[in-house]
PDB file of N, CA and C in Angstrom:
ATOM      1  N   MET A   1      86.208  81.991 141.301  1.00  0.00           N
ATOM      2  CA  MET A   1      85.235  82.402 140.186  1.00  0.00           C
ATOM      3  C   MET A   1      85.446  80.825 139.471  1.00  0.00           C
ATOM      4  N   VAL A   2      84.458  80.178 139.174  1.00  0.00           N
ATOM      5  CA  VAL A   2      84.424  79.004 138.257  1.00  0.00           C
ATOM      6  C   VAL A   2      84.654  79.601 136.875  1.00  0.00           C
ATOM      7  N   LEU A   3      85.383  78.641 136.103  1.00  0.00           N
ATOM      8  CA  LEU A   3      85.989  78.544 134.605  1.00  0.00           C
ATOM      9  C   LEU A   3      84.679  79.480 133.800  1.00  0.00           C
ATOM     10  N   ALA A   4      83.712  79.019 133.929  1.00  0.00           N
ATOM     11  CA  ALA A   4      82.583  79.402 133.012  1.00  0.00           C
ATOM     12  C   ALA A   4      82.532  81.072 133.240  1.00  0.00           C
ATOM     13  N   GLU A   5      82.513  81.608 134.381  1.00  0.00           N
ATOM     14  CA  GLU A   5      82.335  83.084 134.671  1.00  0.00           C
ATOM     15  C   GLU A   5      83.872  83.854 134.096  1.00  0.00           C
ATOM     16  N   LEU A   6      84.740  83.316 134.671  1.00  0.00           N
ATOM     17  CA  LEU A   6      86.093  83.677 133.881  1.00  0.00           C
ATOM     18  C   LEU A   6      86.209  84.023 132.364  1.00  0.00           C
ATOM     19  N   PHE A   7      85.966  82.812 131.774  1.00  0.00           N
ATOM     20  CA  PHE A   7      85.799  82.484 130.398  1.00  0.00           C
ATOM     21  C   PHE A   7      84.729  83.757 129.772  1.00  0.00           C
ATOM     22  N   LEU A   8      83.582  83.946 130.431  1.00  0.00           N
ATOM     23  CA  LEU A   8      82.816  85.169 129.905  1.00  0.00           C
ATOM     24  C   LEU A   8      83.273  86.240 130.169  1.00  0.00           C
ATOM     25  N   ARG A   9      83.859  86.595 131.264  1.00  0.00           N
ATOM     26  CA  ARG A   9      84.254  87.933 131.704  1.00  0.00           C
ATOM     27  C   ARG A   9      85.421  88.182 130.385  1.00  0.00           C
ATOM     28  N   GLU A  10      86.391  87.189 130.384  1.00  0.00           N
ATOM     29  CA  GLU A  10      87.490  87.687 129.405  1.00  0.00           C
ATOM     30  C   GLU A  10      87.028  87.744 128.089  1.00  0.00           C
ATOM     31  N   SER A  11      86.238  86.826 127.541  1.00  0.00           N
ATOM     32  CA  SER A  11      85.709  86.902 125.989  1.00  0.00           C
ATOM     33  C   SER A  11      84.909  88.671 125.999  1.00  0.00           C
ATOM     34  N   LEU A  12      84.073  89.009 126.820  1.00  0.00           N
ATOM     35  CA  LEU A  12      83.524  90.091 126.793  1.00  0.00           C
ATOM     36  C   LEU A  12      84.441  91.347 126.684  1.00  0.00           C
ATOM     37  N   ARG A  13      85.206  90.808 127.403  1.00  0.00           N
ATOM     38  CA  ARG A  13      86.793  92.378 127.506  1.00  0.00           C
ATOM     39  C   ARG A  13      87.467  92.198 126.128  1.00  0.00           C
ATOM     40  N   VAL A  14      87.570  91.002 125.693  1.00  0.00           N
ATOM     41  CA  VAL A  14      88.079  90.774 124.145  1.00  0.00           C
ATOM     42  C   VAL A  14      87.357  91.418 123.052  1.00  0.00           C
ATOM     43  N   LEU A  15      85.965  91.107 123.239  1.00  0.00           N
ATOM     44  CA  LEU A  15      85.189  91.895 122.248  1.00  0.00           C
ATOM     45  C   LEU A  15      84.917  93.455 122.202  1.00  0.00           C
ATOM     46  N   GLU A  16      84.824  93.668 123.520  1.00  0.00           N
ATOM     47  CA  GLU A  16      84.909  95.405 123.791  1.00  0.00           C
ATOM     48  C   GLU A  16      86.147  96.015 123.412  1.00  0.00           C
ATOM     49  N   ALA A  17      87.146  95.379 123.635  1.00  0.00           N
ATOM     50  CA  ALA A  17      88.319  96.011 123.637  1.00  0.00           C
ATOM     51  C   ALA A  17      88.274  95.888 122.063  1.00  0.00           C
ATOM     52  N   SER A  18      87.688  94.937 120.929  1.00  0.00           N
ATOM     53  CA  SER A  18      87.854  94.916 119.737  1.00  0.00           C
ATOM     54  C   SER A  18      87.006  96.079 118.982  1.00  0.00           C
ATOM     55  N   GLY A  19      86.134  96.645 119.727  1.00  0.00           N
ATOM     56  CA  GLY A  19      85.110  97.743 119.131  1.00  0.00           C
ATOM     57  C   GLY A  19      83.605  96.936 118.946  1.00  0.00           C
ATOM     58  N   PHE A  20      83.708  95.640 119.672  1.00  0.00           N
ATOM     59  CA  PHE A  20      82.335  95.160 119.225  1.00  0.00           C
ATOM     60  C   PHE A  20      81.344  95.791 120.078  1.00  0.00           C
ATOM     61  N   ASP A  21      80.138  95.998 119.459  1.00  0.00           N
ATOM     62  CA  ASP A  21      79.469  96.618 120.538  1.00  0.00           C
ATOM     63  C   ASP A  21      78.416  96.011 120.538  1.00  0.00           C
ATOM     64  N   ALA A  22      77.455  95.574 121.559  1.00  0.00           N
ATOM     65  CA  ALA A  22      76.385  94.442 121.644  1.00  0.00           C
ATOM     66  C   ALA A  22      75.521  95.105 123.062  1.00  0.00           C
ATOM     67  N   ASP A  23      74.251  94.816 122.818  1.00  0.00           N
ATOM     68  CA  ASP A  23      73.433  94.837 124.239  1.00  0.00           C
ATOM     69  C   ASP A  23      73.526  92.995 124.456  1.00  0.00           C
ATOM     70  N   TYR A  24      74.198  92.479 126.067  1.00  0.00           N
ATOM     71  CA  TYR A  24      73.927  91.342 126.300  1.00  0.00           C
ATOM     72  C   TYR A  24      72.736  90.722 127.184  1.00  0.00           C
ATOM     73  N   VAL A  25      72.085  90.017 126.663  1.00  0.00           N
ATOM     74  CA  VAL A  25      70.997  88.984 127.486  1.00  0.00           C
ATOM     75  C   VAL A  25      71.410  87.578 128.190  1.00  0.00           C
ATOM     76  N   HIS A  26      71.104  87.920 129.355  1.00  0.00           N
ATOM     77  CA  HIS A  26      71.339  86.569 129.928  1.00  0.00           C
ATOM     78  C   HIS A  26      70.541  85.496 129.894  1.00  0.00           C
ATOM     79  N   GLY A  27      71.204  84.298 129.739  1.00  0.00           N
ATOM     80  CA  GLY A  27      70.242  83.249 129.680  1.00  0.00           C
ATOM     81  C   GLY A  27      70.540  81.962 130.584  1.00  0.00           C
ATOM     82  N   ASP A  28      69.561  81.011 130.889  1.00  0.00           N
ATOM     83  CA  ASP A  28      70.219  80.360 132.024  1.00  0.00           C
ATOM     84  C   ASP A  28      70.307  78.969 131.372  1.00  0.00           C
ATOM     85  N   ILE A  29      71.193  78.291 131.970  1.00  0.00           N
ATOM     86  CA  ILE A  29      71.605  77.297 131.384  1.00  0.00           C
ATOM     87  C   ILE A  29      72.662  76.595 132.303  1.00  0.00           C
ATOM     88  N   GLY A  30      72.903  75.223 132.209  1.00  0.00           N
ATOM     89  CA  GLY A  30      73.981  74.422 132.861  1.00  0.00           C
ATOM     90  C   GLY A  30      73.441  73.625 134.506  1.00  0.00           C
ATOM     91  N   TRP A  31      74.256  73.254 135.294  1.00  0.00           N
ATOM     92  CA  TRP A  31      74.060  72.476 136.240  1.00  0.00           C
ATOM     93  C   TRP A  31      73.155  73.116 137.148  1.00  0.00           C
ATOM     94  N   GLU A  32      73.200  74.412 137.593  1.00  0.00           N
ATOM     95  CA  GLU A  32      72.276  75.227 138.937  1.00  0.00           C
ATOM     96  C   GLU A  32      70.813  74.866 138.305  1.00  0.00           C
ATOM     97  N   PHE A  33      70.454  75.022 136.859  1.00  0.00           N
ATOM     98  CA  PHE A  33      68.951  74.982 136.327  1.00  0.00           C
ATOM     99  C   PHE A  33      68.768  73.308 136.535  1.00  0.00           C
ATOM    100  N   TRP A  34      69.864  72.444 136.575  1.00  0.00           N
ATOM    101  CA  TRP A  34      69.430  71.108 136.613  1.00  0.00           C
ATOM    102  C   TRP A  34      68.748  70.655 137.685  1.00  0.00           C
ATOM    103  N   CYS A  35      69.505  71.398 138.732  1.00  0.00           N
ATOM    104  CA  CYS A  35      69.349  71.050 140.295  1.00  0.00           C
ATOM    105  C   CYS A  35      67.976  71.813 140.572  1.00  0.00           C
ATOM    106  N   LYS A  36      67.599  72.982 140.249  1.00  0.00           N
ATOM    107  CA  LYS A  36      66.532  73.743 140.582  1.00  0.00           C
ATOM    108  C   LYS A  36      65.376  73.221 140.043  1.00  0.00           C
ATOM    109  N   GLU A  37      65.423  73.050 138.650  1.00  0.00           N
ATOM    110  CA  GLU A  37      64.236  72.841 137.748  1.00  0.00           C
ATOM    111  C   GLU A  37      64.207  71.328 137.056  1.00  0.00           C
ATOM    112  N   GLY A  38      65.479  70.700 137.194  1.00  0.00           N
ATOM    113  CA  GLY A  38      65.508  69.173 136.388  1.00  0.00           C
ATOM    114  C   GLY A  38      65.679  69.698 134.869  1.00  0.00           C
ATOM    115  N   ASN A  39      66.141  70.625 134.465  1.00  0.00           N
ATOM    116  CA  ASN A  39      66.364  70.821 133.148  1.00  0.00           C
ATOM    117  C   ASN A  39      67.622  71.937 132.994  1.00  0.00           C
ATOM    118  N   PRO A  40      68.858  71.424 132.392  1.00  0.00           N
ATOM    119  CA  PRO A  40      69.871  72.107 132.381  1.00  0.00           C
ATOM    120  C   PRO A  40      70.076  73.534 131.278  1.00  0.00           C
ATOM    121  N   LEU A  41      68.763  73.035 130.224  1.00  0.00           N
ATOM    122  CA  LEU A  41      68.449  73.726 129.167  1.00  0.00           C
ATOM    123  C   LEU A  41      67.260  74.249 128.735  1.00  0.00           C
ATOM    124  N   PRO A  42      66.961  75.099 129.859  1.00  0.00           N
ATOM    125  CA  PRO A  42      65.549  75.440 129.970  1.00  0.00           C
ATOM    126  C   PRO A  42      64.795  76.226 128.481  1.00  0.00           C
ATOM    127  N   GLN A  43      63.794  75.810 128.048  1.00  0.00           N
ATOM    128  CA  GLN A  43      63.118  76.217 127.132  1.00  0.00           C
ATOM    129  C   GLN A  43      63.267  77.985 126.764  1.00  0.00           C
ATOM    130  N   ARG A  44      63.367  78.601 127.697  1.00  0.00           N
ATOM    131  CA  ARG A  44      63.310  79.818 127.714  1.00  0.00           C
ATOM    132  C   ARG A  44      64.586  80.573 127.321  1.00  0.00           C
ATOM    133  N   THR A  45      65.824  79.483 127.353  1.00  0.00           N
ATOM    134  CA  THR A  45      67.126  79.930 127.038  1.00  0.00           C
ATOM    135  C   THR A  45      67.056  79.405 125.360  1.00  0.00           C
ATOM    136  N   ILE A  46      66.486  78.390 125.028  1.00  0.00           N
ATOM    137  CA  ILE A  46      66.501  77.787 123.838  1.00  0.00           C
ATOM    138  C   ILE A  46      65.843  79.187 122.795  1.00  0.00           C
ATOM    139  N   ASP A  47      64.556  79.690 123.594  1.00  0.00           N
ATOM    140  CA  ASP A  47      63.996  80.773 122.871  1.00  0.00           C
ATOM    141  C   ASP A  47      64.793  81.943 122.759  1.00  0.00           C
ATOM    142  N   LEU A  48      65.235  82.106 123.480  1.00  0.00           N
ATOM    143  CA  LEU A  48      66.319  83.583 123.725  1.00  0.00           C
ATOM    144  C   LEU A  48      67.325  83.234 122.259  1.00  0.00           C
ATOM    145  N   ILE A  49      68.038  82.048 122.383  1.00  0.00           N
ATOM    146  CA  ILE A  49      69.171  81.462 121.363  1.00  0.00           C
ATOM    147  C   ILE A  49      68.220  81.907 119.755  1.00  0.00           C
ATOM    148  N   ASP A  50      67.261  81.093 119.875  1.00  0.00           N
ATOM    149  CA  ASP A  50      66.631  81.158 118.661  1.00  0.00           C
ATOM    150  C   ASP A  50      65.853  82.570 117.834  1.00  0.00           C
ATOM    151  N   LYS A  51      65.802  83.677 119.131  1.00  0.00           N
ATOM    152  CA  LYS A  51      65.543  84.767 118.577  1.00  0.00           C
ATOM    153  C   LYS A  51      66.463  85.668 118.231  1.00  0.00           C
ATOM    154  N   HIS A  52      67.834  85.395 119.115  1.00  0.00           N
ATOM    155  CA  HIS A  52      68.936  86.324 118.857  1.00  0.00           C
ATOM    156  C   HIS A  52      69.700  85.928 117.832  1.00  0.00           C
ATOM    157  N   LYS A  53      69.938  84.550 117.379  1.00  0.00           N
ATOM    158  CA  LYS A  53      70.660  83.808 116.625  1.00  0.00           C
ATOM    159  C   LYS A  53      71.926  83.788 116.791  1.00  0.00           C
ATOM    160  N   ILE A  54      72.370  83.937 118.333  1.00  0.00           N
ATOM    161  CA  ILE A  54      73.750  83.907 118.606  1.00  0.00           C
ATOM    162  C   ILE A  54      73.640  83.459 120.264  1.00  0.00           C
ATOM    163  N   ALA A  55      74.944  83.097 120.695  1.00  0.00           N
ATOM    164  CA  ALA A  55      74.963  82.755 122.062  1.00  0.00           C
ATOM    165  C   ALA A  55      76.407  82.625 122.359  1.00  0.00           C
ATOM    166  N   LEU A  56      76.714  82.958 123.513  1.00  0.00           N
ATOM    167  CA  LEU A  56      78.304  82.968 124.178  1.00  0.00           C
ATOM    168  C   LEU A  56      78.035  82.407 125.723  1.00  0.00           C
ATOM    169  N   PHE A  57      78.632  81.305 125.821  1.00  0.00           N
ATOM    170  CA  PHE A  57      78.684  80.810 127.411  1.00  0.00           C
ATOM    171  C   PHE A  57      80.168  80.293 127.390  1.00  0.00           C
ATOM    172  N   GLY A  58      80.397  79.994 128.770  1.00  0.00           N
ATOM    173  CA  GLY A  58      81.339  79.128 128.941  1.00  0.00           C
ATOM    174  C   GLY A  58      81.380  78.150 129.608  1.00  0.00           C
ATOM    175  N   ALA A  59      82.154  77.117 129.886  1.00  0.00           N
ATOM    176  CA  ALA A  59      81.955  76.107 130.485  1.00  0.00           C
ATOM    177  C   ALA A  59      81.480  75.431 131.378  1.00  0.00           C
ATOM    178  N   ILE A  60      80.373  74.521 131.406  1.00  0.00           N
ATOM    179  CA  ILE A  60      79.343  74.154 132.314  1.00  0.00           C
ATOM    180  C   ILE A  60      79.637  72.578 133.222  1.00  0.00           C
ATOM    181  N   THR A  61      79.251  72.182 133.993  1.00  0.00           N
ATOM    182  CA  THR A  61      79.422  71.095 134.812  1.00  0.00           C
ATOM    183  C   THR A  61      78.516  70.097 134.134  1.00  0.00           C
ATOM    184  N   SER A  62      78.846  68.843 134.555  1.00  0.00           N
ATOM    185  CA  SER A  62      78.263  67.901 133.758  1.00  0.00           C
ATOM    186  C   SER A  62      78.679  66.343 134.640  1.00  0.00           C
ATOM    187  N   LYS A  63      77.732  65.652 135.148  1.00  0.00           N
ATOM    188  CA  LYS A  63      78.094  64.788 136.379  1.00  0.00           C
ATOM    189  C   LYS A  63      77.486  63.246 135.554  1.00  0.00           C
ATOM    190  N   PRO A  64      77.984  62.290 136.271  1.00  0.00           N
ATOM    191  CA  PRO A  64      77.025  60.950 135.997  1.00  0.00           C
ATOM    192  C   PRO A  64      75.432  60.968 136.363  1.00  0.00           C
ATOM    193  N   ILE A  65      75.004  60.223 135.848  1.00  0.00           N
ATOM    194  CA  ILE A  65      73.602  60.131 135.989  1.00  0.00           C
ATOM    195  C   ILE A  65      72.983  59.967 137.480  1.00  0.00           C
ATOM    196  N   ASP A  66      73.753  59.066 138.401  1.00  0.00           N
ATOM    197  CA  ASP A  66      73.318  58.666 139.547  1.00  0.00           C
ATOM    198  C   ASP A  66      73.821  60.174 140.117  1.00  0.00           C
ATOM    199  N   GLU A  67      74.946  60.985 140.259  1.00  0.00           N
ATOM    200  CA  GLU A  67      75.341  62.050 140.922  1.00  0.00           C
ATOM    201  C   GLU A  67      74.319  63.024 140.520  1.00  0.00           C
ATOM    202  N   ALA A  68      73.922  63.053 139.116  1.00  0.00           N
ATOM    203  CA  ALA A  68      73.011  64.212 138.687  1.00  0.00           C
ATOM    204  C   ALA A  68      71.768  64.076 139.501  1.00  0.00           C
ATOM    205  N   LYS A  69      71.027  62.837 139.597  1.00  0.00           N
ATOM    206  CA  LYS A  69      70.033  62.489 140.176  1.00  0.00           C
ATOM    207  C   LYS A  69      69.903  62.864 141.806  1.00  0.00           C
ATOM    208  N   ALA A  70      71.267  62.819 142.307  1.00  0.00           N
ATOM    209  CA  ALA A  70      71.303  62.902 143.644  1.00  0.00           C
ATOM    210  C   ALA A  70      71.164  64.472 144.015  1.00  0.00           C
ATOM    211  N   GLU A  71      71.554  65.369 142.976  1.00  0.00           N
ATOM    212  CA  GLU A  71      71.637  66.698 143.228  1.00  0.00           C
ATOM    213  C   GLU A  71      70.266  67.526 143.199  1.00  0.00           C
ATOM    214  N   LEU A  72      69.444  66.768 142.376  1.00  0.00           N
ATOM    215  CA  LEU A  72      68.065  67.626 142.241  1.00  0.00           C
ATOM    216  C   LEU A  72      67.481  68.142 143.371  1.00  0.00           C
ATOM    217  N   SER A  73      66.936  69.303 143.378  1.00  0.00           N
ATOM    218  CA  SER A  73      65.968  69.726 144.619  1.00  0.00           C
ATOM    219  C   SER A  73      65.050  68.492 144.999  1.00  0.00           C
ATOM    220  N   PRO A  74      65.003  68.417 146.263  1.00  0.00           N
ATOM    221  CA  PRO A  74      64.092  67.822 146.747  1.00  0.00           C
ATOM    222  C   PRO A  74      62.673  67.368 146.235  1.00  0.00           C
ATOM    223  N   GLU A  75      62.061  68.441 145.852  1.00  0.00           N
ATOM    224  CA  GLU A  75      60.860  68.057 145.252  1.00  0.00           C
ATOM    225  C   GLU A  75      60.759  67.429 143.548  1.00  0.00           C
ATOM    226  N   LEU A  76      62.280  67.324 143.279  1.00  0.00           N
ATOM    227  CA  LEU A  76      61.996  66.803 141.699  1.00  0.00           C
ATOM    228  C   LEU A  76      62.430  65.507 141.798  1.00  0.00           C
ATOM    229  N   PRO A  77      62.937  64.561 142.476  1.00  0.00           N
ATOM    230  CA  PRO A  77      63.235  63.360 142.071  1.00  0.00           C
ATOM    231  C   PRO A  77      62.074  62.514 142.001  1.00  0.00           C
ATOM    232  N   GLY A  78      62.010  61.325 140.851  1.00  0.00           N
ATOM    233  CA  GLY A  78      60.543  60.681 140.622  1.00  0.00           C
ATOM    234  C   GLY A  78      59.723  61.322 139.714  1.00  0.00           C
ATOM    235  N   LYS A  79      60.085  62.574 139.319  1.00  0.00           N
ATOM    236  CA  LYS A  79      59.084  62.941 138.148  1.00  0.00           C
ATOM    237  C   LYS A  79      59.500  62.990 136.830  1.00  0.00           C
ATOM    238  N   GLY A  80      60.729  62.135 136.874  1.00  0.00           N
ATOM    239  CA  GLY A  80      60.962  61.739 135.144  1.00  0.00           C
ATOM    240  C   GLY A  80      62.024  62.567 134.666  1.00  0.00           C
ATOM    241  N   PHE A  81      62.725  63.172 135.509  1.00  0.00           N
ATOM    242  CA  PHE A  81      63.843  64.198 134.785  1.00  0.00           C
ATOM    243  C   PHE A  81      64.986  63.433 134.676  1.00  0.00           C
ATOM    244  N   THR A  82      65.581  63.525 133.515  1.00  0.00           N
ATOM    245  CA  THR A  82      66.853  62.676 133.231  1.00  0.00           C
ATOM    246  C   THR A  82      68.151  63.764 132.677  1.00  0.00           C
ATOM    247  N   TYR A  83      69.333  63.920 133.111  1.00  0.00           N
ATOM    248  CA  TYR A  83      69.897  64.833 132.808  1.00  0.00           C
ATOM    249  C   TYR A  83      70.896  64.460 131.367  1.00  0.00           C
ATOM    250  N   SER A  84      70.842  65.349 130.621  1.00  0.00           N
ATOM    251  CA  SER A  84      71.475  65.292 129.581  1.00  0.00           C
ATOM    252  C   SER A  84      72.530  66.499 129.200  1.00  0.00           C
ATOM    253  N   SER A  85      73.338  66.693 128.514  1.00  0.00           N
ATOM    254  CA  SER A  85      74.202  67.893 128.380  1.00  0.00           C
ATOM    255  C   SER A  85      73.555  69.045 127.872  1.00  0.00           C
ATOM    256  N   PRO A  86      73.527  69.959 128.257  1.00  0.00           N
ATOM    257  CA  PRO A  86      73.171  71.091 127.580  1.00  0.00           C
ATOM    258  C   PRO A  86      73.633  71.423 126.325  1.00  0.00           C
ATOM    259  N   ILE A  87      75.152  71.087 126.158  1.00  0.00           N
ATOM    260  CA  ILE A  87      76.125  71.572 125.213  1.00  0.00           C
ATOM    261  C   ILE A  87      75.731  70.708 123.971  1.00  0.00           C
ATOM    262  N   VAL A  88      75.391  69.393 124.335  1.00  0.00           N
ATOM    263  CA  VAL A  88      74.842  68.377 123.160  1.00  0.00           C
ATOM    264  C   VAL A  88      73.507  68.837 122.634  1.00  0.00           C
ATOM    265  N   GLY A  89      72.697  69.286 123.634  1.00  0.00           N
ATOM    266  CA  GLY A  89      71.293  69.621 123.557  1.00  0.00           C
ATOM    267  C   GLY A  89      71.241  71.085 122.447  1.00  0.00           C
ATOM    268  N   LEU A  90      72.162  72.014 122.542  1.00  0.00           N
ATOM    269  CA  LEU A  90      72.358  73.047 121.836  1.00  0.00           C
ATOM    270  C   LEU A  90      72.871  72.644 120.469  1.00  0.00           C
ATOM    271  N   ARG A  91      73.547  71.735 120.443  1.00  0.00           N
ATOM    272  CA  ARG A  91      74.270  71.497 119.279  1.00  0.00           C
ATOM    273  C   ARG A  91      73.014  70.604 118.313  1.00  0.00           C
ATOM    274  N   GLN A  92      72.267  69.724 118.826  1.00  0.00           N
ATOM    275  CA  GLN A  92      71.401  69.123 118.069  1.00  0.00           C
ATOM    276  C   GLN A  92      70.238  69.840 117.837  1.00  0.00           C
ATOM    277  N   LEU A  93      69.883  70.831 118.535  1.00  0.00           N
ATOM    278  CA  LEU A  93      68.890  71.690 118.405  1.00  0.00           C
ATOM    279  C   LEU A  93      69.073  72.925 117.367  1.00  0.00           C
ATOM    280  N   PHE A  94      70.251  73.221 117.150  1.00  0.00           N
ATOM    281  CA  PHE A  94      70.744  74.109 116.456  1.00  0.00           C
ATOM    282  C   PHE A  94      71.741  73.724 115.174  1.00  0.00           C
ATOM    283  N   ASP A  95      71.633  72.543 114.857  1.00  0.00           N
ATOM    284  CA  ASP A  95      72.478  71.780 114.076  1.00  0.00           C
ATOM    285  C   ASP A  95      73.720  72.249 113.906  1.00  0.00           C
ATOM    286  N   LEU A  96      74.537  72.508 115.028  1.00  0.00           N
ATOM    287  CA  LEU A  96      76.011  72.664 115.233  1.00  0.00           C
ATOM    288  C   LEU A  96      77.046  71.465 114.917  1.00  0.00           C
ATOM    289  N   ASP A  97      77.871  71.747 114.150  1.00  0.00           N
ATOM    290  CA  ASP A  97      78.690  70.524 114.112  1.00  0.00           C
ATOM    291  C   ASP A  97      80.076  70.830 114.241  1.00  0.00           C
ATOM    292  N   ILE A  98      80.555  72.129 114.594  1.00  0.00           N
ATOM    293  CA  ILE A  98      81.618  72.692 114.674  1.00  0.00           C
ATOM    294  C   ILE A  98      81.873  73.396 116.072  1.00  0.00           C
ATOM    295  N   VAL A  99      83.045  73.048 116.900  1.00  0.00           N
ATOM    296  CA  VAL A  99      83.001  73.608 118.439  1.00  0.00           C
ATOM    297  C   VAL A  99      84.272  74.179 118.452  1.00  0.00           C
ATOM    298  N   TYR A 100      84.840  75.489 118.609  1.00  0.00           N
ATOM    299  CA  TYR A 100      86.056  75.878 118.886  1.00  0.00           C
ATOM    300  C   TYR A 100      86.196  75.976 120.271  1.00  0.00           C
ATOM    301  N   VAL A 101      87.374  75.634 120.840  1.00  0.00           N
ATOM    302  CA  VAL A 101      87.948  75.566 122.200  1.00  0.00           C
ATOM    303  C   VAL A 101      89.132  76.049 122.066  1.00  0.00           C
ATOM    304  N   LEU A 102      89.121  77.261 122.803  1.00  0.00           N
ATOM    305  CA  LEU A 102      90.537  77.979 123.054  1.00  0.00           C
ATOM    306  C   LEU A 102      91.064  77.495 124.058  1.00  0.00           C
ATOM    307  N   VAL A 103      92.356  77.151 123.775  1.00  0.00           N
ATOM    308  CA  VAL A 103      93.102  76.705 125.218  1.00  0.00           C
ATOM    309  C   VAL A 103      94.336  77.397 125.628  1.00  0.00           C
ATOM    310  N   ASN A 104      94.538  77.999 126.500  1.00  0.00           N
ATOM    311  CA  ASN A 104      95.781  78.489 127.009  1.00  0.00           C
ATOM    312  C   ASN A 104      96.556  77.535 127.769  1.00  0.00           C
ATOM    313  N   LEU A 105      97.382  76.998 127.023  1.00  0.00           N
ATOM    314  CA  LEU A 105      97.994  75.523 127.803  1.00  0.00           C
ATOM    315  C   LEU A 105      99.106  76.380 128.762  1.00  0.00           C
ATOM    316  N   ILE A 106     100.003  77.376 128.223  1.00  0.00           N
ATOM    317  CA  ILE A 106     100.966  77.698 128.965  1.00  0.00           C
ATOM    318  C   ILE A 106     100.967  79.267 128.592  1.00  0.00           C
ATOM    319  N   LYS A 107     101.542  80.274 129.312  1.00  0.00           N
ATOM    320  CA  LYS A 107     101.176  81.656 128.839  1.00  0.00           C
ATOM    321  C   LYS A 107     101.700  82.221 127.489  1.00  0.00           C
ATOM    322  N   GLU A 108     102.808  81.459 126.946  1.00  0.00           N
ATOM    323  CA  GLU A 108     103.379  81.851 125.501  1.00  0.00           C
ATOM    324  C   GLU A 108     102.907  80.910 124.362  1.00  0.00           C
ATOM    325  N   ILE A 109     101.865  79.956 124.916  1.00  0.00           N
ATOM    326  CA  ILE A 109     101.479  78.953 124.097  1.00  0.00           C
ATOM    327  C   ILE A 109     100.007  78.903 124.062  1.00  0.00           C
ATOM    328  N   ARG A 110      99.670  79.464 123.000  1.00  0.00           N
ATOM    329  CA  ARG A 110      98.241  79.614 122.702  1.00  0.00           C
ATOM    330  C   ARG A 110      97.520  78.520 121.726  1.00  0.00           C
ATOM    331  N   SER A 111      96.285  77.575 121.781  1.00  0.00           N
ATOM    332  CA  SER A 111      96.066  76.846 120.965  1.00  0.00           C
ATOM    333  C   SER A 111      94.283  76.971 120.443  1.00  0.00           C
ATOM    334  N   ILE A 112      94.102  76.660 119.321  1.00  0.00           N
ATOM    335  CA  ILE A 112      92.418  76.482 119.141  1.00  0.00           C
ATOM    336  C   ILE A 112      92.457  75.103 118.549  1.00  0.00           C
ATOM    337  N   PHE A 113      91.650  74.475 119.486  1.00  0.00           N
ATOM    338  CA  PHE A 113      91.555  73.238 118.886  1.00  0.00           C
ATOM    339  C   PHE A 113      89.972  73.241 118.327  1.00  0.00           C
ATOM    340  N   VAL A 114      89.813  72.710 117.269  1.00  0.00           N
ATOM    341  CA  VAL A 114      88.415  72.572 116.388  1.00  0.00           C
ATOM    342  C   VAL A 114      87.882  71.116 116.408  1.00  0.00           C
ATOM    343  N   ARG A 115      86.537  70.995 116.830  1.00  0.00           N
ATOM    344  CA  ARG A 115      86.254  69.925 116.807  1.00  0.00           C
ATOM    345  C   ARG A 115      84.932  69.719 115.849  1.00  0.00           C
ATOM    346  N   GLU A 116      85.270  69.014 114.840  1.00  0.00           N
ATOM    347  CA  GLU A 116      84.340  68.903 113.692  1.00  0.00           C
ATOM    348  C   GLU A 116      83.588  67.469 113.824  1.00  0.00           C
ATOM    349  N   GLU A 117      82.152  67.546 114.249  1.00  0.00           N
ATOM    350  CA  GLU A 117      81.448  66.335 114.703  1.00  0.00           C
ATOM    351  C   GLU A 117      81.237  65.408 113.681  1.00  0.00           C
ATOM    352  N   LYS A 118      80.383  65.882 112.966  1.00  0.00           N
ATOM    353  CA  LYS A 118      80.238  65.454 111.681  1.00  0.00           C
ATOM    354  C   LYS A 118      81.735  64.516 110.798  1.00  0.00           C
ATOM    355  N   GLY A 119      82.550  65.169 110.841  1.00  0.00           N
ATOM    356  CA  GLY A 119      83.710  64.246 110.312  1.00  0.00           C
ATOM    357  C   GLY A 119      84.668  63.361 111.384  1.00  0.00           C
ATOM    358  N   THR A 120      84.436  63.844 112.646  1.00  0.00           N
ATOM    359  CA  THR A 120      84.730  63.380 113.756  1.00  0.00           C
ATOM    360  C   THR A 120      86.244  63.718 114.047  1.00  0.00           C
ATOM    361  N   GLN A 121      86.866  64.970 113.672  1.00  0.00           N
ATOM    362  CA  GLN A 121      88.212  65.413 113.689  1.00  0.00           C
ATOM    363  C   GLN A 121      88.630  66.280 114.390  1.00  0.00           C
ATOM    364  N   LEU A 122      89.514  66.147 115.028  1.00  0.00           N
ATOM    365  CA  LEU A 122      90.445  66.977 116.028  1.00  0.00           C
ATOM    366  C   LEU A 122      91.404  67.620 115.433  1.00  0.00           C
ATOM    367  N   THR A 123      91.602  69.035 115.173  1.00  0.00           N
ATOM    368  CA  THR A 123      92.640  69.569 114.510  1.00  0.00           C
ATOM    369  C   THR A 123      93.151  70.734 115.494  1.00  0.00           C
ATOM    370  N   ASN A 124      94.365  70.806 115.447  1.00  0.00           N
ATOM    371  CA  ASN A 124      94.816  71.778 116.203  1.00  0.00           C
ATOM    372  C   ASN A 124      95.257  73.262 115.361  1.00  0.00           C
ATOM    373  N   ARG A 125      94.974  74.528 115.726  1.00  0.00           N
ATOM    374  CA  ARG A 125      95.114  75.417 114.559  1.00  0.00           C
ATOM    375  C   ARG A 125      95.943  76.645 115.525  1.00  0.00           C
ATOM    376  N   SER A 126      97.029  76.255 115.958  1.00  0.00           N
ATOM    377  CA  SER A 126      97.982  76.911 116.515  1.00  0.00           C
ATOM    378  C   SER A 126      98.542  78.362 115.926  1.00  0.00           C
TER     379      SER A 126
END
């Protein structure tokens, strides 16, 4: 199981345990869609987030540009696709400036790192 799947599964478990009741809609994002479509953040996913005003997603893969080009489907190279991080794209499109990263470093120690882009600060809120 990849990290993103584990993160999402456990996040949903916590939300459900807290009594949060929601209907979940899958959106396509990440490396798989870069390789298949030449876009790691398809417009259909942007439209879903814009419609629902919320998103939950796990870690995604990013690679250097040369490696990214090499992993495109055979029919896509030479068509002008350039890899860019979907996380950065989401942050720019939706004017997001705070990222919460939950880190479980050791079973007994849990930390929350908050990165505030506009102020370029990294704080630890344990």
